[in-house]
Amino acid sequence: MTSPPRLALWLVSLFSPDEVIPGDLLEEYATVEANAGRSSARRWFWRQSGRTIAHLASSQFRLAPWSNTAVMVGAYVALWYTPWVSVTLAGALLARYPVYEYISAPAFWWIYEFLFGTVIVPIGISLTAARIAARREMLVTSGLAVTVILVSS
């Protein structure tokens, strides 16, 4: 038996609450591969992985639609306020410490905005949202990512 597509298996395991579903898919993959060949089994595995992920995500959303939506909206609003928080904290930092004596103002603002406003705070907000939505974290964080992409485009 050859191994199924690793990426598909990894994606299913992200949405699966336990190891039962990926194990079942692996067993069925072995059967399909023995009967139809490797390429057919790999195509089957990708189709079945997509269906499984869609089913798991929809069932997770149906179990707690309001709490999932509330966490996604709260995280999106927090991301929306990130620039305001970033500038406010930068002002407090500049009032307390003479940063411009050590680096130039454009360098400070570039480093600060890039690291704080683009990387650290959004990751922190996403991790907090995932922690709040325990056992539904992939649904919430992927929903948040899709929302951000749709609104920003």
C-alpha atoms as a PDB file:
ATOM      1  CA  MET A   1       0.000   0.000   0.000  1.00  0.00           C
ATOM      2  CA  THR A   2       1.240   3.498  -0.804  1.00  0.00           C
ATOM      3  CA  SER A   3       0.457   6.429   1.421  1.00  0.00           C
ATOM      4  CA  PRO A   4      -2.437   8.752   0.605  1.00  0.00           C
ATOM      5  CA  PRO A   5      -1.857  12.443  -0.135  1.00  0.00           C
ATOM      6  CA  ARG A   6      -0.278  13.864   3.016  1.00  0.00           C
ATOM      7  CA  LEU A   7      -1.791  17.303   2.608  1.00  0.00           C
ATOM      8  CA  ALA A   8      -5.325  15.906   2.358  1.00  0.00           C
ATOM      9  CA  LEU A   9      -4.768  13.706   5.395  1.00  0.00           C
ATOM     10  CA  TRP A  10      -3.361  16.635   7.364  1.00  0.00           C
ATOM     11  CA  LEU A  11      -6.333  18.855   6.471  1.00  0.00           C
ATOM     12  CA  VAL A  12      -8.803  16.183   7.571  1.00  0.00           C
ATOM     13  CA  SER A  13      -6.935  15.721  10.850  1.00  0.00           C
ATOM     14  CA  LEU A  14      -7.134  19.485  11.507  1.00  0.00           C
ATOM     15  CA  PHE A  15     -10.932  19.438  11.392  1.00  0.00           C
ATOM     16  CA  SER A  16     -11.371  16.001  12.987  1.00  0.00           C
ATOM     17  CA  PRO A  17     -11.808  15.938  16.767  1.00  0.00           C
ATOM     18  CA  ASP A  18     -10.170  12.517  17.079  1.00  0.00           C
ATOM     19  CA  GLU A  19      -8.170   9.970  15.081  1.00  0.00           C
ATOM     20  CA  VAL A  20     -11.175   7.826  14.104  1.00  0.00           C
ATOM     21  CA  ILE A  21     -12.085   9.682  10.899  1.00  0.00           C
ATOM     22  CA  PRO A  22      -8.551   9.820   9.428  1.00  0.00           C
ATOM     23  CA  GLY A  23      -8.131   6.143  10.363  1.00  0.00           C
ATOM     24  CA  ASP A  24     -11.331   5.200   8.549  1.00  0.00           C
ATOM     25  CA  LEU A  25     -10.230   7.146   5.487  1.00  0.00           C
ATOM     26  CA  LEU A  26      -6.878   5.343   5.507  1.00  0.00           C
ATOM     27  CA  GLU A  27      -8.603   1.954   5.653  1.00  0.00           C
ATOM     28  CA  GLU A  28     -10.895   2.839   2.774  1.00  0.00           C
ATOM     29  CA  TYR A  29      -7.943   4.224   0.800  1.00  0.00           C
ATOM     30  CA  ALA A  30      -6.184   0.856   1.096  1.00  0.00           C
ATOM     31  CA  THR A  31      -9.289  -0.914  -0.215  1.00  0.00           C
ATOM     32  CA  VAL A  32      -9.743   1.501  -3.124  1.00  0.00           C
ATOM     33  CA  GLU A  33      -6.048   1.267  -3.995  1.00  0.00           C
ATOM     34  CA  ALA A  34      -6.154  -2.540  -4.008  1.00  0.00           C
ATOM     35  CA  ASN A  35      -9.196  -2.546  -6.300  1.00  0.00           C
ATOM     36  CA  ALA A  36      -8.677   0.441  -8.596  1.00  0.00           C
ATOM     37  CA  GLY A  37      -5.008   1.380  -8.456  1.00  0.00           C
ATOM     38  CA  ARG A  38      -2.905   4.142  -6.935  1.00  0.00           C
ATOM     39  CA  SER A  39      -3.993   7.124  -9.061  1.00  0.00           C
ATOM     40  CA  SER A  40      -7.697   6.337  -8.674  1.00  0.00           C
ATOM     41  CA  ALA A  41      -7.230   5.889  -4.949  1.00  0.00           C
ATOM     42  CA  ARG A  42      -5.452   9.238  -4.636  1.00  0.00           C
ATOM     43  CA  ARG A  43      -8.249  11.040  -6.550  1.00  0.00           C
ATOM     44  CA  TRP A  44     -10.830   9.275  -4.394  1.00  0.00           C
ATOM     45  CA  PHE A  45      -8.957  10.313  -1.255  1.00  0.00           C
ATOM     46  CA  TRP A  46      -8.913  13.990  -2.282  1.00  0.00           C
ATOM     47  CA  ARG A  47     -12.653  13.958  -3.081  1.00  0.00           C
ATOM     48  CA  GLN A  48     -13.488  12.158   0.138  1.00  0.00           C
ATOM     49  CA  SER A  49     -11.254  14.506   2.177  1.00  0.00           C
ATOM     50  CA  GLY A  50     -13.054  17.544   0.773  1.00  0.00           C
ATOM     51  CA  ARG A  51     -16.439  16.060   1.581  1.00  0.00           C
ATOM     52  CA  THR A  52     -15.308  15.069   5.056  1.00  0.00           C
ATOM     53  CA  ILE A  53     -13.929  18.534   5.829  1.00  0.00           C
ATOM     54  CA  ALA A  54     -17.125  20.191   4.570  1.00  0.00           C
ATOM     55  CA  HIS A  55     -19.237  17.836   6.676  1.00  0.00           C
ATOM     56  CA  LEU A  56     -17.127  18.329   9.807  1.00  0.00           C
ATOM     57  CA  ALA A  57     -17.115  22.130   9.431  1.00  0.00           C
ATOM     58  CA  SER A  58     -20.864  22.311   8.857  1.00  0.00           C
ATOM     59  CA  SER A  59     -21.606  20.019  11.792  1.00  0.00           C
ATOM     60  CA  GLN A  60     -19.323  22.077  14.054  1.00  0.00           C
ATOM     61  CA  PHE A  61     -21.137  25.221  12.974  1.00  0.00           C
ATOM     62  CA  ARG A  62     -24.576  23.650  13.475  1.00  0.00           C
ATOM     63  CA  LEU A  63     -23.682  22.633  17.035  1.00  0.00           C
ATOM     64  CA  ALA A  64     -23.011  26.213  18.154  1.00  0.00           C
ATOM     65  CA  PRO A  65     -23.875  28.730  15.433  1.00  0.00           C
ATOM     66  CA  TRP A  66     -24.211  31.768  17.690  1.00  0.00           C
ATOM     67  CA  SER A  67     -21.054  31.249  19.692  1.00  0.00           C
ATOM     68  CA  ASN A  68     -19.006  30.538  16.548  1.00  0.00           C
ATOM     69  CA  THR A  69     -20.395  33.647  14.870  1.00  0.00           C
ATOM     70  CA  ALA A  70     -19.812  35.748  17.990  1.00  0.00           C
ATOM     71  CA  VAL A  71     -16.171  34.662  18.214  1.00  0.00           C
ATOM     72  CA  MET A  72     -15.592  35.370  14.503  1.00  0.00           C
ATOM     73  CA  VAL A  73     -17.261  38.801  14.693  1.00  0.00           C
ATOM     74  CA  GLY A  74     -15.378  39.666  17.883  1.00  0.00           C
ATOM     75  CA  ALA A  75     -12.057  38.690  16.354  1.00  0.00           C
ATOM     76  CA  TYR A  76     -12.842  40.625  13.169  1.00  0.00           C
ATOM     77  CA  VAL A  77     -13.727  43.753  15.158  1.00  0.00           C
ATOM     78  CA  ALA A  78     -10.521  43.350  17.157  1.00  0.00           C
ATOM     79  CA  LEU A  79      -8.555  43.093  13.898  1.00  0.00           C
ATOM     80  CA  TRP A  80     -10.354  46.171  12.606  1.00  0.00           C
ATOM     81  CA  TYR A  81      -9.222  48.178  15.665  1.00  0.00           C
ATOM     82  CA  THR A  82      -5.610  46.956  15.406  1.00  0.00           C
ATOM     83  CA  PRO A  83      -4.292  50.101  13.653  1.00  0.00           C
ATOM     84  CA  TRP A  84      -5.865  52.371  16.287  1.00  0.00           C
ATOM     85  CA  VAL A  85      -4.438  50.293  19.132  1.00  0.00           C
ATOM     86  CA  SER A  86      -1.082  50.190  17.395  1.00  0.00           C
ATOM     87  CA  VAL A  87      -0.846  53.976  17.033  1.00  0.00           C
ATOM     88  CA  THR A  88      -2.065  54.529  20.594  1.00  0.00           C
ATOM     89  CA  LEU A  89       0.518  52.151  22.017  1.00  0.00           C
ATOM     90  CA  ALA A  90       3.231  53.666  19.849  1.00  0.00           C
ATOM     91  CA  GLY A  91       2.346  57.115  21.186  1.00  0.00           C
ATOM     92  CA  ALA A  92       2.573  55.835  24.746  1.00  0.00           C
ATOM     93  CA  LEU A  93       5.888  54.151  23.967  1.00  0.00           C
ATOM     94  CA  LEU A  94       7.313  57.305  22.419  1.00  0.00           C
ATOM     95  CA  ALA A  95       6.130  59.420  25.357  1.00  0.00           C
ATOM     96  CA  ARG A  96       7.831  57.099  27.840  1.00  0.00           C
ATOM     97  CA  TYR A  97      11.054  56.174  26.031  1.00  0.00           C
ATOM     98  CA  PRO A  98      13.271  58.329  23.779  1.00  0.00           C
ATOM     99  CA  VAL A  99      13.279  55.838  20.926  1.00  0.00           C
ATOM    100  CA  TYR A 100      14.243  58.384  18.262  1.00  0.00           C
ATOM    101  CA  GLU A 101      17.639  58.845  19.898  1.00  0.00           C
ATOM    102  CA  TYR A 102      18.564  55.297  18.855  1.00  0.00           C
ATOM    103  CA  ILE A 103      16.843  54.773  15.499  1.00  0.00           C
ATOM    104  CA  SER A 104      15.303  57.068  12.913  1.00  0.00           C
ATOM    105  CA  ALA A 105      11.592  57.831  12.969  1.00  0.00           C
ATOM    106  CA  PRO A 106      10.803  56.076   9.646  1.00  0.00           C
ATOM    107  CA  ALA A 107      12.710  52.974  10.734  1.00  0.00           C
ATOM    108  CA  PHE A 108      10.884  52.917  14.069  1.00  0.00           C
ATOM    109  CA  TRP A 109       7.466  53.259  12.463  1.00  0.00           C
ATOM    110  CA  TRP A 110       8.207  50.665   9.800  1.00  0.00           C
ATOM    111  CA  ILE A 111       9.448  48.129  12.329  1.00  0.00           C
ATOM    112  CA  TYR A 112       6.680  48.920  14.768  1.00  0.00           C
ATOM    113  CA  GLU A 113       3.843  48.813  12.230  1.00  0.00           C
ATOM    114  CA  PHE A 114       5.152  45.726  10.487  1.00  0.00           C
ATOM    115  CA  LEU A 115       5.909  43.672  13.566  1.00  0.00           C
ATOM    116  CA  PHE A 116       3.162  44.870  15.835  1.00  0.00           C
ATOM    117  CA  GLY A 117       0.335  45.851  13.509  1.00  0.00           C
ATOM    118  CA  THR A 118       0.795  43.215  10.838  1.00  0.00           C
ATOM    119  CA  VAL A 119       2.234  40.184  12.603  1.00  0.00           C
ATOM    120  CA  ILE A 120       2.066  40.079  16.388  1.00  0.00           C
ATOM    121  CA  VAL A 121      -1.403  41.497  17.108  1.00  0.00           C
ATOM    122  CA  PRO A 122      -3.271  39.594  14.341  1.00  0.00           C
ATOM    123  CA  ILE A 123      -1.627  36.329  15.389  1.00  0.00           C
ATOM    124  CA  GLY A 124      -2.526  37.044  19.007  1.00  0.00           C
ATOM    125  CA  ILE A 125      -6.134  37.808  18.089  1.00  0.00           C
ATOM    126  CA  SER A 126      -6.399  34.624  16.002  1.00  0.00           C
ATOM    127  CA  LEU A 127      -4.887  32.506  18.773  1.00  0.00           C
ATOM    128  CA  THR A 128      -7.275  34.039  21.299  1.00  0.00           C
ATOM    129  CA  ALA A 129     -10.249  33.325  19.033  1.00  0.00           C
ATOM    130  CA  ALA A 130      -9.076  29.730  18.588  1.00  0.00           C
ATOM    131  CA  ARG A 131      -8.688  29.330  22.342  1.00  0.00           C
ATOM    132  CA  ILE A 132     -12.180  30.683  22.998  1.00  0.00           C
ATOM    133  CA  ALA A 133     -13.688  28.334  20.403  1.00  0.00           C
ATOM    134  CA  ALA A 134     -12.058  25.209  21.808  1.00  0.00           C
ATOM    135  CA  ARG A 135     -12.665  22.088  19.676  1.00  0.00           C
ATOM    136  CA  ARG A 136     -14.019  24.319  16.896  1.00  0.00           C
ATOM    137  CA  GLU A 137     -10.857  26.355  16.383  1.00  0.00           C
ATOM    138  CA  MET A 138     -10.307  25.435  12.736  1.00  0.00           C
ATOM    139  CA  LEU A 139     -13.853  26.427  11.851  1.00  0.00           C
ATOM    140  CA  VAL A 140     -13.530  29.789  13.591  1.00  0.00           C
ATOM    141  CA  THR A 141     -10.045  30.692  12.380  1.00  0.00           C
ATOM    142  CA  SER A 142     -10.707  29.626   8.778  1.00  0.00           C
ATOM    143  CA  GLY A 143     -14.022  31.512   8.870  1.00  0.00           C
ATOM    144  CA  LEU A 144     -12.182  34.556  10.178  1.00  0.00           C
ATOM    145  CA  ALA A 145      -9.593  34.281   7.396  1.00  0.00           C
ATOM    146  CA  VAL A 146     -12.285  34.008   4.715  1.00  0.00           C
ATOM    147  CA  THR A 147     -14.120  37.002   6.198  1.00  0.00           C
ATOM    148  CA  VAL A 148     -10.988  39.138   6.221  1.00  0.00           C
ATOM    149  CA  ILE A 149     -10.189  38.158   2.625  1.00  0.00           C
ATOM    150  CA  LEU A 150     -13.717  38.852   1.380  1.00  0.00           C
ATOM    151  CA  VAL A 151     -14.030  42.201   3.138  1.00  0.00           C
ATOM    152  CA  SER A 152     -10.575  43.437   2.137  1.00  0.00           C
ATOM    153  CA  SER A 153     -10.990  42.609  -1.556  1.00  0.00           C
END
